[in-house]
Protein backbone atom coordinates (compact mmCIF):
# COMPACT_ATOMS: atom_id res chain seq x y z
CA MET A 1 -0.17 -0.17 -0.05
CA ASP A 2 1.57 3.20 -1.14
CA ARG A 3 1.49 6.55 0.67
CA ASN A 4 -1.41 7.86 -1.27
CA THR A 5 -3.70 4.97 -0.67
CA ARG A 6 -3.07 5.23 3.05
CA ARG A 7 -3.54 9.20 3.17
CA ALA A 8 -6.74 8.46 1.31
CA ARG A 9 -7.85 5.82 3.78
CA ALA A 10 -6.82 7.97 6.70
CA ILE A 11 -9.36 11.12 5.28
CA ALA A 12 -12.12 8.57 4.64
CA ILE A 13 -12.11 7.30 8.19
CA ALA A 14 -11.68 10.88 9.73
CA GLN A 15 -14.73 11.97 7.74
CA ALA A 16 -16.67 8.97 8.62
CA LYS A 17 -16.81 9.79 12.11
CA PRO A 18 -20.14 11.10 13.44
CA ASP A 19 -20.46 14.72 14.70
CA THR A 20 -20.18 14.62 18.27
CA LYS A 21 -22.82 17.71 18.78
CA LEU A 22 -25.17 15.23 16.58
CA ILE A 23 -24.45 12.40 19.19
CA ALA A 24 -25.28 14.50 22.14
CA LEU A 25 -28.36 15.73 20.70
CA ARG A 26 -29.15 12.07 19.71
CA TYR A 27 -28.72 10.92 23.46
CA LEU A 28 -30.61 13.70 24.80
CA MET A 29 -33.66 12.96 22.65
CA LEU A 30 -33.40 9.32 23.49
CA ALA A 31 -33.54 10.51 27.36
CA ALA A 32 -36.40 12.96 26.95
CA GLY A 33 -38.36 10.03 25.12
CA ALA A 34 -37.63 7.65 27.91
CA THR A 35 -38.58 10.30 30.56
CA ALA A 36 -42.04 10.97 28.65
CA ALA A 37 -42.61 7.18 28.72
CA SER A 38 -42.08 6.62 32.11
CA ILE A 39 -44.13 9.55 33.06
CA ALA A 40 -46.76 8.13 31.04
CA VAL A 41 -46.72 4.73 32.55
CA LEU A 42 -46.73 6.18 36.04
CA LEU A 43 -49.77 8.30 35.38
CA SER A 44 -51.64 5.56 33.68
CA HIS A 45 -51.22 3.63 37.04
CA PHE A 46 -52.37 6.51 39.44
CA ILE A 47 -55.66 7.30 37.05
């Protein structure tokens, strides 16, 4: 594998990494959904 191939592969791997802000937003939305679901379950038991 020559130098250009190695460099192209490194650039492709670096660009394939997902954005950290997007990951944080995804986990935040997942946590909000889980919280809403738990509240809905608790309310359904009390009503």
